[in-house]
């Protein structure tokens, strides 16, 4: 009887974790590992129960500077956030940085058994049909149809369900995460008792949540310049057409000031935060001083612009690589903690690239700055993805967490 009682008590606790409205998110970027626990209270309104973040050494070119440090920090922030939120959720959404994501876009088609209405199962089969990747190396973490067509017609649609057709074609975007990343963070999740772990490409989450649907109807570009790493997404509708990442961010401006002027790194960071690239500073203008060292505004301005010139060269090369898919009139957006908050940086990059760049930020209360984009986007998309099939989830629960 005691064994039966223990079994029922365990299932009761697990059932409680299913029906909790809490959403747990782990955001990993090149500077911070952040754990956020929240619950949606109403349409587009979240109650944030806890946010815990700690700095780690980050990564470069898809390689961790200190993998074990990052693992330990991920465990620590999740434990603290869950405790602070008093949450029992067993579902965890983990953001995957662009340097660990590969985007593949391909044309996929299916022929129906006869001319009839297109249903959800037809779309699911079409999306799965193109997923023929090496799953020893990659986990497919998102599949999105950028557009559809039917029966060889040139006209494209965002959705073809309920249309009459014999053949359905689609341009499908597959987002693949390196299995080494999955294994690394599966270890974290398993040790903390999470039984439902989902990986979300951070760049895709930003595209889907920062822009309104109408803004995504046409091809656009989203540039996220982070601390040590940056990404460039060419996207349309619900998918990403192409994505590039490179290991350079706002910290490189700080490093340039640090090296050129021989001042403490903290002072270099403060100078980057204070400098205004729109201004013509006098020779005597000082941005920051500690009595022994000083950063003159003119020097900081020149150093920052020189680094932005390097960013502009990289971005210009990316524009050339994707020009066949990127119309010259497309909208270009900038976000991230690296340079989006620097006064005058947007204008300077716009001039260097010959593009009108717009700053885009989250609209979530408490998360409204460019540096909040990844956290807010992952939280919003985690909520959207949390809509699960009850029967499938119950089956998984009583099958030891297996699908």
Protein backbone atom coordinates (compact mmCIF):
# COMPACT_ATOMS: atom_id res chain seq x y z
CA UNK A 1 0.00 0.00 0.00
CA UNK A 2 2.85 2.37 0.84
CA UNK A 3 4.39 1.78 -2.62
CA UNK A 4 1.06 2.59 -4.30
CA UNK A 5 0.67 5.74 -2.19
CA UNK A 6 4.19 6.89 -3.12
CA UNK A 7 3.47 6.23 -6.81
CA UNK A 8 0.22 8.25 -6.69
CA UNK A 9 1.90 11.09 -4.80
CA UNK A 10 4.67 11.23 -7.41
CA UNK A 11 2.12 11.34 -10.23
CA UNK A 12 0.16 14.05 -8.41
CA UNK A 13 3.26 16.22 -8.21
CA UNK A 14 4.04 15.57 -11.86
CA UNK A 15 0.48 16.46 -12.86
CA UNK A 16 0.90 19.70 -10.92
CA UNK A 17 4.01 20.51 -12.94
CA UNK A 18 2.10 19.88 -16.20
CA UNK A 19 -0.65 22.32 -15.48
CA UNK A 20 1.49 25.09 -14.07
CA UNK A 21 1.41 28.21 -16.20
CA UNK A 22 5.04 28.92 -15.42
CA UNK A 23 7.49 29.19 -18.30
CA UNK A 24 11.19 28.57 -17.61
CA UNK A 25 13.71 29.91 -20.12
CA UNK A 26 17.49 29.68 -20.27
CA UNK A 27 19.06 32.37 -22.44
CA UNK A 28 22.71 31.81 -23.35
CA UNK A 29 24.51 34.64 -25.10
CA UNK A 30 28.15 35.57 -25.47
CA UNK A 31 28.25 37.45 -22.16
CA UNK A 32 25.45 36.20 -19.90
CA UNK A 33 23.65 33.03 -18.96
CA UNK A 34 20.15 34.08 -17.86
CA UNK A 35 17.28 32.11 -16.33
CA UNK A 36 13.80 33.60 -16.49
CA UNK A 37 10.65 32.18 -14.92
CA UNK A 38 7.33 33.81 -15.72
CA UNK A 39 3.68 33.19 -16.41
CA UNK A 40 1.38 34.76 -18.96
CA UNK A 41 -1.45 36.61 -17.24
CA UNK A 42 -3.27 37.97 -20.27
CA UNK A 43 -2.71 38.66 -23.95
CA UNK A 44 0.90 39.91 -24.27
CA UNK A 45 1.11 40.43 -20.49
CA UNK A 46 3.65 38.38 -18.54
CA UNK A 47 4.18 38.20 -14.84
CA UNK A 48 7.93 37.80 -14.37
CA UNK A 49 8.57 35.78 -11.22
CA UNK A 50 12.35 35.71 -11.34
CA UNK A 51 15.32 36.72 -13.48
CA UNK A 52 18.76 35.47 -12.53
CA UNK A 53 21.80 36.05 -14.71
CA UNK A 54 25.52 35.62 -14.38
CA UNK A 55 28.43 36.44 -16.63
CA UNK A 56 30.46 33.65 -18.24
CA UNK A 57 33.48 33.64 -20.51
CA UNK A 58 31.36 33.06 -23.61
CA UNK A 59 32.37 31.56 -26.93
CA UNK A 60 34.10 32.33 -30.21
CA UNK A 61 33.66 30.67 -33.59
CA UNK A 62 31.34 28.10 -32.05
CA UNK A 63 33.83 27.06 -29.34
CA UNK A 64 33.39 27.68 -25.60
CA UNK A 65 36.16 29.47 -23.76
CA UNK A 66 35.33 27.39 -20.65
CA UNK A 67 32.57 24.83 -21.22
CA UNK A 68 32.51 23.57 -17.64
CA UNK A 69 32.19 27.10 -16.26
CA UNK A 70 29.21 27.72 -18.52
CA UNK A 71 27.56 24.45 -17.43
CA UNK A 72 28.00 25.28 -13.74
CA UNK A 73 26.68 28.81 -14.21
CA UNK A 74 23.66 27.50 -16.15
CA UNK A 75 22.84 25.14 -13.26
CA UNK A 76 23.29 27.89 -10.70
CA UNK A 77 21.06 30.49 -12.40
CA UNK A 78 18.31 27.93 -13.08
CA UNK A 79 18.33 26.65 -9.50
CA UNK A 80 18.19 30.17 -8.10
CA UNK A 81 15.48 31.33 -10.52
CA UNK A 82 13.26 28.29 -9.87
CA UNK A 83 13.68 28.69 -6.10
CA UNK A 84 12.99 32.43 -6.21
CA UNK A 85 9.87 31.84 -8.35
CA UNK A 86 8.78 28.87 -6.20
CA UNK A 87 8.10 27.08 -9.48
CA UNK A 88 7.63 23.35 -10.14
CA UNK A 89 7.53 23.47 -13.92
CA UNK A 90 9.34 20.57 -15.59
CA UNK A 91 9.47 22.20 -18.99
CA UNK A 92 12.53 24.23 -19.99
CA UNK A 93 13.15 26.26 -23.14
CA UNK A 94 16.81 26.79 -24.00
CA UNK A 95 17.90 29.50 -26.41
CA UNK A 96 20.56 28.45 -28.91
CA UNK A 97 22.98 31.22 -30.01
CA UNK A 98 23.48 31.73 -33.73
CA UNK A 99 27.05 30.37 -33.65
CA UNK A 100 25.64 26.93 -32.83
CA UNK A 101 22.83 27.05 -35.40
CA UNK A 102 22.80 26.21 -39.11
CA UNK A 103 19.96 27.32 -41.38
CA UNK A 104 19.05 25.27 -44.44
CA UNK A 105 16.32 26.41 -46.82
CA UNK A 106 14.97 24.02 -49.42
CA UNK A 107 12.03 23.47 -51.76
CA UNK A 108 9.84 20.55 -50.66
CA UNK A 109 6.70 19.18 -52.33
CA UNK A 110 4.13 16.44 -51.71
CA UNK A 111 1.53 14.93 -53.99
CA UNK A 112 -1.82 14.23 -52.35
CA UNK A 113 -3.79 11.04 -52.94
CA UNK A 114 -6.37 13.01 -54.97
CA UNK A 115 -7.56 16.57 -55.48
CA UNK A 116 -8.94 17.62 -52.11
CA UNK A 117 -8.65 20.12 -49.30
CA UNK A 118 -5.20 20.52 -47.79
CA UNK A 119 -5.21 19.62 -44.09
CA UNK A 120 -2.81 19.99 -41.17
CA UNK A 121 -1.43 16.47 -41.58
CA UNK A 122 -0.44 17.24 -45.19
CA UNK A 123 1.58 20.24 -44.03
CA UNK A 124 3.21 18.23 -41.22
CA UNK A 125 4.18 15.49 -43.67
CA UNK A 126 5.61 18.04 -46.12
CA UNK A 127 7.74 19.67 -43.41
CA UNK A 128 9.03 16.30 -42.15
CA UNK A 129 9.77 15.08 -45.67
CA UNK A 130 12.54 17.64 -46.10
CA UNK A 131 14.12 16.84 -42.74
CA UNK A 132 16.74 14.43 -44.08
CA UNK A 133 19.74 15.83 -42.21
CA UNK A 134 22.49 13.97 -40.36
CA UNK A 135 20.93 13.69 -36.90
CA UNK A 136 24.18 12.45 -35.41
CA UNK A 137 25.51 15.97 -35.97
CA UNK A 138 22.39 18.11 -35.80
CA UNK A 139 19.05 18.31 -34.02
CA UNK A 140 16.29 19.99 -36.03
CA UNK A 141 14.95 22.56 -33.57
CA UNK A 142 12.61 24.52 -35.82
CA UNK A 143 10.90 23.96 -39.14
CA UNK A 144 9.01 26.80 -40.81
CA UNK A 145 7.40 27.20 -44.21
CA UNK A 146 8.36 30.58 -45.60
CA UNK A 147 5.72 30.33 -48.33
CA UNK A 148 3.55 27.78 -50.13
CA UNK A 149 2.26 27.20 -53.65
CA UNK A 150 -0.13 24.62 -55.09
CA UNK A 151 -0.23 22.63 -58.32
CA UNK A 152 2.78 24.36 -59.83
CA UNK A 153 1.15 27.79 -59.73
CA UNK A 154 3.51 30.79 -59.50
CA UNK A 155 1.26 32.45 -56.92
CA UNK A 156 2.56 32.06 -53.37
CA UNK A 157 0.64 31.86 -50.10
CA UNK A 158 1.47 32.09 -46.42
CA UNK A 159 -1.01 29.26 -45.71
CA UNK A 160 -2.73 26.74 -48.03
CA UNK A 161 -4.80 24.78 -45.53
CA UNK A 162 -8.41 24.31 -46.71
CA UNK A 163 -7.41 25.05 -50.30
CA UNK A 164 -8.21 22.47 -53.01
CA UNK A 165 -5.05 20.94 -54.53
CA UNK A 166 -3.35 17.80 -55.77
CA UNK A 167 0.23 18.98 -55.11
CA UNK A 168 1.57 21.25 -52.36
CA UNK A 169 4.97 22.92 -52.65
CA UNK A 170 6.78 24.98 -50.04
CA UNK A 171 9.98 26.84 -49.38
CA UNK A 172 10.93 25.43 -45.98
CA UNK A 173 13.45 26.76 -43.48
CA UNK A 174 15.11 24.17 -41.23
CA UNK A 175 17.06 25.35 -38.19
CA UNK A 176 19.64 22.84 -37.02
CA UNK A 177 21.40 22.88 -33.65
CA UNK A 178 24.76 21.20 -33.15
CA UNK A 179 24.30 18.02 -31.11
CA UNK A 180 27.30 18.98 -28.95
CA UNK A 181 25.31 21.99 -27.71
CA UNK A 182 22.26 19.77 -27.04
CA UNK A 183 24.30 17.22 -25.07
CA UNK A 184 25.91 19.98 -23.03
CA UNK A 185 22.62 21.52 -21.93
CA UNK A 186 20.68 18.24 -21.72
CA UNK A 187 23.09 17.42 -18.90
CA UNK A 188 22.14 20.65 -17.13
CA UNK A 189 18.41 20.08 -17.58
CA UNK A 190 18.49 16.41 -16.55
CA UNK A 191 20.46 17.08 -13.38
CA UNK A 192 17.90 19.70 -12.35
CA UNK A 193 14.91 17.44 -13.01
CA UNK A 194 13.47 19.00 -16.17
CA UNK A 195 11.67 16.31 -18.17
CA UNK A 196 10.58 18.34 -21.21
CA UNK A 197 13.46 20.29 -22.78
CA UNK A 198 13.01 22.28 -25.94
CA UNK A 199 15.69 24.12 -27.91
CA UNK A 200 14.85 27.37 -29.70
CA UNK A 201 17.16 29.28 -32.05
CA UNK A 202 17.49 32.70 -30.44
CA UNK A 203 17.79 34.47 -33.79
CA UNK A 204 14.50 32.89 -34.97
CA UNK A 205 12.76 33.83 -31.71
CA UNK A 206 13.87 37.44 -32.18
CA UNK A 207 12.59 37.54 -35.75
CA UNK A 208 9.21 36.12 -34.78
CA UNK A 209 8.60 38.20 -31.66
CA UNK A 210 10.27 41.58 -32.26
CA UNK A 211 8.49 42.18 -35.57
CA UNK A 212 4.75 42.28 -36.20
CA UNK A 213 3.30 39.87 -38.74
CA UNK A 214 2.81 42.69 -41.25
CA UNK A 215 6.49 43.61 -40.98
CA UNK A 216 7.40 39.99 -41.75
CA UNK A 217 5.25 39.72 -44.88
CA UNK A 218 8.14 40.99 -47.00
CA UNK A 219 11.82 40.00 -46.87
CA UNK A 220 13.69 41.84 -44.10
CA UNK A 221 17.01 41.70 -42.27
CA UNK A 222 17.58 41.56 -38.52
CA UNK A 223 21.09 42.29 -37.24
CA UNK A 224 21.86 41.39 -33.63
CA UNK A 225 25.23 42.74 -32.53
CA UNK A 226 25.98 41.22 -29.15
CA UNK A 227 28.86 41.35 -26.69
CA UNK A 228 31.33 38.98 -28.37
CA UNK A 229 29.19 37.55 -31.17
CA UNK A 230 26.74 38.83 -33.77
CA UNK A 231 24.19 37.42 -36.17
CA UNK A 232 22.50 38.54 -39.38
CA UNK A 233 19.17 37.00 -40.39
CA UNK A 234 17.47 37.34 -43.73
CA UNK A 235 13.88 36.38 -43.06
CA UNK A 236 10.33 36.38 -44.36
CA UNK A 237 7.02 35.24 -42.89
CA UNK A 238 7.54 32.55 -40.25
CA UNK A 239 11.00 31.44 -41.34
CA UNK A 240 14.60 32.47 -41.89
CA UNK A 241 15.93 32.37 -45.44
CA UNK A 242 19.57 32.71 -44.48
CA UNK A 243 21.61 33.38 -41.37
CA UNK A 244 25.24 34.39 -40.86
CA UNK A 245 27.11 34.74 -37.59
CA UNK A 246 30.52 36.14 -36.74
CA UNK A 247 32.59 36.48 -33.57
CA UNK A 248 32.70 40.21 -33.04
CA UNK A 249 30.59 42.43 -30.81
CA UNK A 250 30.42 45.53 -28.70
CA UNK A 251 33.14 44.25 -26.36
CA UNK A 252 35.62 44.67 -29.20
CA UNK A 253 35.04 48.44 -29.06
CA UNK A 254 35.87 48.34 -25.34
CA UNK A 255 38.95 46.22 -26.05
CA UNK A 256 40.11 48.72 -28.70
CA UNK A 257 39.82 51.61 -26.22
CA UNK A 258 41.52 49.53 -23.52
CA UNK A 259 44.48 48.66 -25.77
CA UNK A 260 44.87 52.00 -27.56
CA UNK A 261 44.64 54.23 -24.48
CA UNK A 262 46.07 51.84 -21.86
CA UNK A 263 43.23 52.37 -19.38
CA UNK A 264 41.42 49.83 -17.16
CA UNK A 265 38.88 47.73 -19.06
CA UNK A 266 36.04 48.93 -16.80
CA UNK A 267 36.87 52.51 -17.78
CA UNK A 268 36.88 51.53 -21.45
CA UNK A 269 33.40 50.03 -21.01
CA UNK A 270 32.16 53.21 -19.37
CA UNK A 271 33.63 55.33 -22.17
CA UNK A 272 31.81 53.22 -24.77
CA UNK A 273 28.56 53.69 -22.86
CA UNK A 274 29.00 57.47 -22.63
CA UNK A 275 30.38 58.38 -26.05
CA UNK A 276 28.04 60.07 -28.54
CA UNK A 277 29.14 59.60 -32.14
CA UNK A 278 26.84 62.43 -33.25
CA UNK A 279 28.88 65.07 -31.44
CA UNK A 280 32.00 67.03 -32.39
CA UNK A 281 33.92 66.99 -29.12
CA UNK A 282 36.47 69.60 -28.11
CA UNK A 283 40.09 68.56 -27.55
CA UNK A 284 39.68 68.90 -23.77
CA UNK A 285 36.42 66.92 -23.41
CA UNK A 286 36.86 63.96 -21.07
CA UNK A 287 34.35 61.09 -20.98
CA UNK A 288 35.62 59.34 -17.88
CA UNK A 289 38.54 59.72 -15.47
CA UNK A 290 39.71 58.02 -12.28
CA UNK A 291 42.39 60.53 -11.30
CA UNK A 292 45.20 58.50 -12.83
CA UNK A 293 43.70 57.65 -16.21
CA UNK A 294 41.38 59.53 -18.53
CA UNK A 295 39.53 58.74 -21.74
CA UNK A 296 39.17 61.77 -24.00
CA UNK A 297 35.94 61.94 -25.97
CA UNK A 298 37.63 62.54 -29.33
CA UNK A 299 39.81 59.46 -28.88
CA UNK A 300 36.87 57.24 -27.88
CA UNK A 301 34.81 58.53 -30.78
CA UNK A 302 37.54 57.81 -33.33
CA UNK A 303 38.26 54.34 -31.90
CA UNK A 304 34.56 53.42 -31.88
CA UNK A 305 34.09 54.58 -35.47
CA UNK A 306 37.11 52.58 -36.61
CA UNK A 307 35.60 49.41 -35.12
CA UNK A 308 32.18 50.23 -36.63
CA UNK A 309 33.96 50.48 -39.99
CA UNK A 310 35.01 46.84 -39.52
CA UNK A 311 31.42 45.89 -38.69
CA UNK A 312 30.28 47.74 -41.82
CA UNK A 313 32.78 45.82 -43.98
CA UNK A 314 31.56 42.46 -42.64
CA UNK A 315 27.91 43.44 -43.06
CA UNK A 316 28.59 44.73 -46.57
CA UNK A 317 30.13 41.37 -47.52
CA UNK A 318 27.07 39.60 -46.13
CA UNK A 319 24.79 41.88 -48.17
CA UNK A 320 26.71 40.87 -51.29
CA UNK A 321 26.46 37.15 -50.44
CA UNK A 322 22.69 37.25 -50.11
CA UNK A 323 21.84 39.94 -52.68
CA UNK A 324 19.95 37.45 -54.88
CA UNK A 325 17.39 36.92 -52.11
CA UNK A 326 17.55 40.39 -50.56
CA UNK A 327 15.77 43.23 -52.38
CA UNK A 328 17.50 46.60 -52.06
CA UNK A 329 14.37 48.16 -50.54
CA UNK A 330 14.05 45.64 -47.69
CA UNK A 331 13.83 46.84 -44.10
CA UNK A 332 16.97 46.43 -41.98
CA UNK A 333 16.68 46.25 -38.19
CA UNK A 334 19.36 46.40 -35.48
CA UNK A 335 19.17 45.05 -31.94
CA UNK A 336 21.38 43.48 -29.25
CA UNK A 337 23.57 44.79 -26.45
CA UNK A 338 26.66 45.47 -28.58
CA UNK A 339 26.07 48.79 -30.35
CA UNK A 340 22.31 49.39 -30.68
CA UNK A 341 22.29 51.55 -27.52
CA UNK A 342 25.38 53.55 -28.52
CA UNK A 343 24.37 57.08 -29.41
CA UNK A 344 25.08 57.70 -33.08
CA UNK A 345 26.02 54.10 -33.93
CA UNK A 346 22.87 53.41 -35.93
CA UNK A 347 23.32 56.58 -37.98
CA UNK A 348 27.01 55.85 -38.59
CA UNK A 349 26.39 52.28 -39.73
CA UNK A 350 23.52 53.44 -41.94
CA UNK A 351 25.81 55.92 -43.67
CA UNK A 352 28.62 53.39 -44.13
CA UNK A 353 26.28 50.73 -45.56
CA UNK A 354 24.01 53.01 -47.55
CA UNK A 355 21.00 51.44 -45.80
CA UNK A 356 18.34 52.91 -43.54
CA UNK A 357 18.80 50.92 -40.34
CA UNK A 358 16.10 50.95 -37.66
CA UNK A 359 16.61 50.06 -34.01
CA UNK A 360 14.13 47.41 -32.84
CA UNK A 361 13.47 46.49 -29.22
CA UNK A 362 11.14 44.16 -27.29
CA UNK A 363 7.72 45.40 -26.19
CA UNK A 364 7.51 43.32 -23.03
CA UNK A 365 7.13 45.41 -19.86
CA UNK A 366 10.44 45.34 -18.04
CA UNK A 367 12.25 44.17 -21.19
CA UNK A 368 12.29 47.14 -23.56
CA UNK A 369 15.98 47.70 -24.33
CA UNK A 370 18.02 46.27 -27.24
CA UNK A 371 20.03 44.19 -24.76
CA UNK A 372 16.78 42.53 -23.62
CA UNK A 373 15.89 41.23 -27.08
CA UNK A 374 17.03 37.63 -26.65
CA UNK A 375 15.48 37.15 -23.18
CA UNK A 376 12.14 38.73 -24.11
CA UNK A 377 11.93 36.95 -27.47
CA UNK A 378 12.63 33.53 -25.98
CA UNK A 379 10.02 34.10 -23.28
CA UNK A 380 7.35 35.10 -25.83
CA UNK A 381 8.13 32.21 -28.17
CA UNK A 382 8.29 29.74 -25.27
CA UNK A 383 4.74 30.74 -24.42
CA UNK A 384 3.65 30.26 -28.05
CA UNK A 385 5.34 26.87 -28.22
CA UNK A 386 3.89 25.78 -24.88
CA UNK A 387 0.57 24.91 -26.48
CA UNK A 388 0.83 21.13 -26.36
CA UNK A 389 -1.36 18.18 -27.27
CA UNK A 390 -2.80 16.91 -23.97
CA UNK A 391 -2.91 13.24 -24.95
CA UNK A 392 0.67 13.22 -26.23
CA UNK A 393 1.93 14.91 -23.10
CA UNK A 394 0.11 12.54 -20.76
CA UNK A 395 1.51 9.59 -22.73
CA UNK A 396 4.99 11.06 -22.40
CA UNK A 397 4.57 11.65 -18.68
CA UNK A 398 3.64 8.04 -17.95
CA UNK A 399 6.39 6.81 -20.26
CA UNK A 400 9.22 8.19 -18.14
CA UNK A 401 9.59 11.40 -20.11
CA UNK A 402 10.13 9.66 -23.45
CA UNK A 403 8.26 10.62 -26.57
